[in-house]
Amino acid sequence: MRAAAEVLGIKQPTLVTQINRLERDLGQALLERAQRGRAMKPAPFGETVLAAARTVIIDR
């Protein structure tokens, strides 16, 4: 999260807040939170949202 926030030019807590709001608004988890020894990764619904976003970006 820290690296992603840096790339976006925002603070980590701001990014976490925005992701939490998106998940609340969409009603599903976008990320599987990191657990000891495992990296954070997209949840199945997050993969779907990511694919849709990539389609929108490519179709511009």
PDB file of N, CA and C in Angstrom:
ATOM      1  N   MET A   1       0.825  -1.186   0.000  1.00  0.00           N
ATOM      2  CA  MET A   1       0.000   0.000   0.000  1.00  0.00           C
ATOM      3  C   MET A   1       0.872   1.255   0.000  1.00  0.00           C
ATOM      4  N   ARG A   2       1.945   1.182   0.745  1.00  0.00           N
ATOM      5  CA  ARG A   2       2.819   2.356   0.826  1.00  0.00           C
ATOM      6  C   ARG A   2       3.359   2.728  -0.544  1.00  0.00           C
ATOM      7  N   ALA A   3       3.842   1.728  -1.287  1.00  0.00           N
ATOM      8  CA  ALA A   3       4.402   1.997  -2.613  1.00  0.00           C
ATOM      9  C   ALA A   3       3.328   2.523  -3.569  1.00  0.00           C
ATOM     10  N   ALA A   4       2.138   1.946  -3.512  1.00  0.00           N
ATOM     11  CA  ALA A   4       1.048   2.408  -4.379  1.00  0.00           C
ATOM     12  C   ALA A   4       0.681   3.849  -4.057  1.00  0.00           C
ATOM     13  N   ALA A   5       0.611   4.170  -2.776  1.00  0.00           N
ATOM     14  CA  ALA A   5       0.283   5.533  -2.370  1.00  0.00           C
ATOM     15  C   ALA A   5       1.354   6.511  -2.869  1.00  0.00           C
ATOM     16  N   GLU A   6       2.608   6.109  -2.775  1.00  0.00           N
ATOM     17  CA  GLU A   6       3.690   6.976  -3.254  1.00  0.00           C
ATOM     18  C   GLU A   6       3.556   7.240  -4.750  1.00  0.00           C
ATOM     19  N   VAL A   7       3.271   6.199  -5.524  1.00  0.00           N
ATOM     20  CA  VAL A   7       3.106   6.358  -6.974  1.00  0.00           C
ATOM     21  C   VAL A   7       1.953   7.310  -7.279  1.00  0.00           C
ATOM     22  N   LEU A   8       0.893   7.234  -6.487  1.00  0.00           N
ATOM     23  CA  LEU A   8      -0.277   8.090  -6.690  1.00  0.00           C
ATOM     24  C   LEU A   8      -0.087   9.490  -6.120  1.00  0.00           C
ATOM     25  N   GLY A   9       0.955   9.669  -5.331  1.00  0.00           N
ATOM     26  CA  GLY A   9       1.228  10.975  -4.750  1.00  0.00           C
ATOM     27  C   GLY A   9       0.310  11.327  -3.590  1.00  0.00           C
ATOM     28  N   ILE A  10      -0.139  10.283  -2.875  1.00  0.00           N
ATOM     29  CA  ILE A  10      -0.997  10.493  -1.703  1.00  0.00           C
ATOM     30  C   ILE A  10      -0.425   9.731  -0.517  1.00  0.00           C
ATOM     31  N   LYS A  11      -0.970   9.979   0.653  1.00  0.00           N
ATOM     32  CA  LYS A  11      -0.528   9.280   1.860  1.00  0.00           C
ATOM     33  C   LYS A  11      -1.220   7.919   1.940  1.00  0.00           C
ATOM     34  N   GLN A  12      -0.556   6.960   2.579  1.00  0.00           N
ATOM     35  CA  GLN A  12      -1.097   5.608   2.693  1.00  0.00           C
ATOM     36  C   GLN A  12      -2.475   5.574   3.353  1.00  0.00           C
ATOM     37  N   PRO A  13      -2.708   6.295   4.449  1.00  0.00           N
ATOM     38  CA  PRO A  13      -4.047   6.244   5.063  1.00  0.00           C
ATOM     39  C   PRO A  13      -5.151   6.737   4.122  1.00  0.00           C
ATOM     40  N   THR A  14      -4.823   7.696   3.268  1.00  0.00           N
ATOM     41  CA  THR A  14      -5.799   8.199   2.303  1.00  0.00           C
ATOM     42  C   THR A  14      -6.166   7.102   1.303  1.00  0.00           C
ATOM     43  N   LEU A  15      -5.162   6.376   0.820  1.00  0.00           N
ATOM     44  CA  LEU A  15      -5.413   5.284  -0.115  1.00  0.00           C
ATOM     45  C   LEU A  15      -6.259   4.196   0.539  1.00  0.00           C
ATOM     46  N   VAL A  16      -5.922   3.824   1.755  1.00  0.00           N
ATOM     47  CA  VAL A  16      -6.680   2.789   2.469  1.00  0.00           C
ATOM     48  C   VAL A  16      -8.130   3.224   2.654  1.00  0.00           C
ATOM     49  N   THR A  17      -8.341   4.473   3.022  1.00  0.00           N
ATOM     50  CA  THR A  17      -9.698   5.001   3.201  1.00  0.00           C
ATOM     51  C   THR A  17     -10.479   4.915   1.896  1.00  0.00           C
ATOM     52  N   GLN A  18      -9.863   5.297   0.794  1.00  0.00           N
ATOM     53  CA  GLN A  18     -10.543   5.272  -0.499  1.00  0.00           C
ATOM     54  C   GLN A  18     -10.880   3.846  -0.929  1.00  0.00           C
ATOM     55  N   ILE A  19      -9.970   2.922  -0.719  1.00  0.00           N
ATOM     56  CA  ILE A  19     -10.246   1.519  -1.057  1.00  0.00           C
ATOM     57  C   ILE A  19     -11.382   0.987  -0.198  1.00  0.00           C
ATOM     58  N   ASN A  20     -11.358   1.296   1.094  1.00  0.00           N
ATOM     59  CA  ASN A  20     -12.431   0.846   1.980  1.00  0.00           C
ATOM     60  C   ASN A  20     -13.786   1.411   1.548  1.00  0.00           C
ATOM     61  N   ARG A  21     -13.807   2.667   1.130  1.00  0.00           N
ATOM     62  CA  ARG A  21     -15.061   3.280   0.654  1.00  0.00           C
ATOM     63  C   ARG A  21     -15.556   2.594  -0.614  1.00  0.00           C
ATOM     64  N   LEU A  22     -14.645   2.327  -1.534  1.00  0.00           N
ATOM     65  CA  LEU A  22     -15.029   1.634  -2.764  1.00  0.00           C
ATOM     66  C   LEU A  22     -15.616   0.266  -2.446  1.00  0.00           C
ATOM     67  N   GLU A  23     -14.946  -0.467  -1.567  1.00  0.00           N
ATOM     68  CA  GLU A  23     -15.445  -1.788  -1.192  1.00  0.00           C
ATOM     69  C   GLU A  23     -16.822  -1.689  -0.546  1.00  0.00           C
ATOM     70  N   ARG A  24     -17.014  -0.704   0.297  1.00  0.00           N
ATOM     71  CA  ARG A  24     -18.322  -0.511   0.935  1.00  0.00           C
ATOM     72  C   ARG A  24     -19.380  -0.164  -0.108  1.00  0.00           C
ATOM     73  N   ASP A  25     -19.054   0.760  -0.998  1.00  0.00           N
ATOM     74  CA  ASP A  25     -20.007   1.179  -2.021  1.00  0.00           C
ATOM     75  C   ASP A  25     -20.349   0.053  -2.998  1.00  0.00           C
ATOM     76  N   LEU A  26     -19.360  -0.754  -3.350  1.00  0.00           N
ATOM     77  CA  LEU A  26     -19.570  -1.847  -4.296  1.00  0.00           C
ATOM     78  C   LEU A  26     -20.121  -3.107  -3.631  1.00  0.00           C
ATOM     79  N   GLY A  27     -19.995  -3.171  -2.314  1.00  0.00           N
ATOM     80  CA  GLY A  27     -20.551  -4.298  -1.565  1.00  0.00           C
ATOM     81  C   GLY A  27     -19.716  -5.561  -1.585  1.00  0.00           C
ATOM     82  N   GLN A  28     -18.481  -5.452  -2.052  1.00  0.00           N
ATOM     83  CA  GLN A  28     -17.604  -6.621  -2.088  1.00  0.00           C
ATOM     84  C   GLN A  28     -16.157  -6.186  -1.901  1.00  0.00           C
ATOM     85  N   ALA A  29     -15.348  -7.126  -1.463  1.00  0.00           N
ATOM     86  CA  ALA A  29     -13.929  -6.845  -1.263  1.00  0.00           C
ATOM     87  C   ALA A  29     -13.207  -6.747  -2.601  1.00  0.00           C
ATOM     88  N   LEU A  30     -12.351  -5.755  -2.727  1.00  0.00           N
ATOM     89  CA  LEU A  30     -11.504  -5.612  -3.903  1.00  0.00           C
ATOM     90  C   LEU A  30     -10.150  -6.282  -3.689  1.00  0.00           C
ATOM     91  N   LEU A  31      -9.716  -6.339  -2.437  1.00  0.00           N
ATOM     92  CA  LEU A  31      -8.402  -6.888  -2.100  1.00  0.00           C
ATOM     93  C   LEU A  31      -8.512  -7.959  -1.035  1.00  0.00           C
ATOM     94  N   GLU A  32      -7.642  -8.949  -1.147  1.00  0.00           N
ATOM     95  CA  GLU A  32      -7.437  -9.899  -0.060  1.00  0.00           C
ATOM     96  C   GLU A  32      -6.277  -9.347   0.741  1.00  0.00           C
ATOM     97  N   ARG A  33      -6.560  -8.931   1.969  1.00  0.00           N
ATOM     98  CA  ARG A  33      -5.540  -8.280   2.790  1.00  0.00           C
ATOM     99  C   ARG A  33      -4.377  -9.230   3.071  1.00  0.00           C
ATOM    100  N   ALA A  34      -3.201  -8.650   3.159  1.00  0.00           N
ATOM    101  CA  ALA A  34      -1.993  -9.423   3.430  1.00  0.00           C
ATOM    102  C   ALA A  34      -2.089 -10.102   4.781  1.00  0.00           C
ATOM    103  N   GLN A  35      -1.611 -11.312   4.819  1.00  0.00           N
ATOM    104  CA  GLN A  35      -1.528 -12.037   6.079  1.00  0.00           C
ATOM    105  C   GLN A  35      -0.065 -12.435   6.254  1.00  0.00           C
ATOM    106  N   ARG A  36       0.266 -12.786   7.433  1.00  0.00           N
ATOM    107  CA  ARG A  36       1.657 -13.111   7.737  1.00  0.00           C
ATOM    108  C   ARG A  36       2.256 -14.034   6.676  1.00  0.00           C
ATOM    109  N   GLY A  37       3.305 -13.553   6.006  1.00  0.00           N
ATOM    110  CA  GLY A  37       4.001 -14.349   5.014  1.00  0.00           C
ATOM    111  C   GLY A  37       3.363 -14.340   3.634  1.00  0.00           C
ATOM    112  N   ARG A  38       2.233 -13.642   3.478  1.00  0.00           N
ATOM    113  CA  ARG A  38       1.564 -13.593   2.177  1.00  0.00           C
ATOM    114  C   ARG A  38       1.360 -12.149   1.750  1.00  0.00           C
ATOM    115  N   ALA A  39       1.526 -11.903   0.490  1.00  0.00           N
ATOM    116  CA  ALA A  39       1.343 -10.552  -0.036  1.00  0.00           C
ATOM    117  C   ALA A  39      -0.140 -10.263  -0.262  1.00  0.00           C
ATOM    118  N   MET A  40      -0.485  -8.989  -0.283  1.00  0.00           N
ATOM    119  CA  MET A  40      -1.839  -8.569  -0.612  1.00  0.00           C
ATOM    120  C   MET A  40      -2.054  -8.834  -2.096  1.00  0.00           C
ATOM    121  N   LYS A  41      -3.271  -9.253  -2.450  1.00  0.00           N
ATOM    122  CA  LYS A  41      -3.579  -9.487  -3.855  1.00  0.00           C
ATOM    123  C   LYS A  41      -5.045  -9.167  -4.110  1.00  0.00           C
ATOM    124  N   PRO A  42      -5.404  -9.001  -5.377  1.00  0.00           N
ATOM    125  CA  PRO A  42      -6.804  -8.700  -5.676  1.00  0.00           C
ATOM    126  C   PRO A  42      -7.708  -9.871  -5.292  1.00  0.00           C
ATOM    127  N   ALA A  43      -8.871  -9.553  -4.753  1.00  0.00           N
ATOM    128  CA  ALA A  43      -9.903 -10.554  -4.500  1.00  0.00           C
ATOM    129  C   ALA A  43     -10.528 -10.904  -5.853  1.00  0.00           C
ATOM    130  N   PRO A  44     -11.274 -11.991  -5.939  1.00  0.00           N
ATOM    131  CA  PRO A  44     -11.917 -12.323  -7.219  1.00  0.00           C
ATOM    132  C   PRO A  44     -12.729 -11.161  -7.805  1.00  0.00           C
ATOM    133  N   PHE A  45     -13.505 -10.474  -6.980  1.00  0.00           N
ATOM    134  CA  PHE A  45     -14.262  -9.324  -7.465  1.00  0.00           C
ATOM    135  C   PHE A  45     -13.319  -8.205  -7.895  1.00  0.00           C
ATOM    136  N   GLY A  46     -12.221  -8.039  -7.192  1.00  0.00           N
ATOM    137  CA  GLY A  46     -11.221  -7.039  -7.565  1.00  0.00           C
ATOM    138  C   GLY A  46     -10.625  -7.326  -8.932  1.00  0.00           C
ATOM    139  N   GLU A  47     -10.419  -8.597  -9.250  1.00  0.00           N
ATOM    140  CA  GLU A  47      -9.920  -8.985 -10.571  1.00  0.00           C
ATOM    141  C   GLU A  47     -10.918  -8.576 -11.653  1.00  0.00           C
ATOM    142  N   THR A  48     -12.214  -8.765 -11.367  1.00  0.00           N
ATOM    143  CA  THR A  48     -13.259  -8.395 -12.316  1.00  0.00           C
ATOM    144  C   THR A  48     -13.272  -6.891 -12.548  1.00  0.00           C
ATOM    145  N   VAL A  49     -13.183  -6.128 -11.462  1.00  0.00           N
ATOM    146  CA  VAL A  49     -13.156  -4.668 -11.567  1.00  0.00           C
ATOM    147  C   VAL A  49     -11.904  -4.217 -12.319  1.00  0.00           C
ATOM    148  N   LEU A  50     -10.783  -4.829 -12.025  1.00  0.00           N
ATOM    149  CA  LEU A  50      -9.532  -4.490 -12.700  1.00  0.00           C
ATOM    150  C   LEU A  50      -9.633  -4.748 -14.203  1.00  0.00           C
ATOM    151  N   ALA A  51     -10.189  -5.881 -14.594  1.00  0.00           N
ATOM    152  CA  ALA A  51     -10.343  -6.203 -16.024  1.00  0.00           C
ATOM    153  C   ALA A  51     -11.256  -5.179 -16.702  1.00  0.00           C
ATOM    154  N   ALA A  52     -12.343  -4.798 -16.033  1.00  0.00           N
ATOM    155  CA  ALA A  52     -13.262  -3.796 -16.596  1.00  0.00           C
ATOM    156  C   ALA A  52     -12.566  -2.446 -16.744  1.00  0.00           C
ATOM    157  N   ALA A  53     -11.771  -2.069 -15.750  1.00  0.00           N
ATOM    158  CA  ALA A  53     -11.050  -0.789 -15.811  1.00  0.00           C
ATOM    159  C   ALA A  53     -10.036  -0.798 -16.944  1.00  0.00           C
ATOM    160  N   ARG A  54      -9.357  -1.906 -17.126  1.00  0.00           N
ATOM    161  CA  ARG A  54      -8.390  -1.995 -18.216  1.00  0.00           C
ATOM    162  C   ARG A  54      -9.093  -1.871 -19.576  1.00  0.00           C
ATOM    163  N   THR A  55     -10.254  -2.458 -19.704  1.00  0.00           N
ATOM    164  CA  THR A  55     -11.027  -2.353 -20.944  1.00  0.00           C
ATOM    165  C   THR A  55     -11.394  -0.903 -21.228  1.00  0.00           C
ATOM    166  N   VAL A  56     -11.827  -0.198 -20.205  1.00  0.00           N
ATOM    167  CA  VAL A  56     -12.193   1.208 -20.371  1.00  0.00           C
ATOM    168  C   VAL A  56     -10.979   2.027 -20.791  1.00  0.00           C
ATOM    169  N   ILE A  57      -9.853   1.780 -20.180  1.00  0.00           N
ATOM    170  CA  ILE A  57      -8.631   2.524 -20.503  1.00  0.00           C
ATOM    171  C   ILE A  57      -8.163   2.224 -21.922  1.00  0.00           C
ATOM    172  N   ILE A  58      -8.220   0.972 -22.313  1.00  0.00           N
ATOM    173  CA  ILE A  58      -7.762   0.566 -23.648  1.00  0.00           C
ATOM    174  C   ILE A  58      -8.683   1.144 -24.724  1.00  0.00           C
ATOM    175  N   ASP A  59      -9.982   1.205 -24.438  1.00  0.00           N
ATOM    176  CA  ASP A  59     -10.962   1.680 -25.421  1.00  0.00           C
ATOM    177  C   ASP A  59     -10.986   3.195 -25.583  1.00  0.00           C
ATOM    178  N   ARG A  60     -10.193   3.911 -24.835  1.00  0.00           N
ATOM    179  CA  ARG A  60     -10.176   5.380 -24.931  1.00  0.00           C
ATOM    180  C   ARG A  60      -9.723   5.852 -26.243  1.00  0.00           C
TER     181      ARG A  60
END
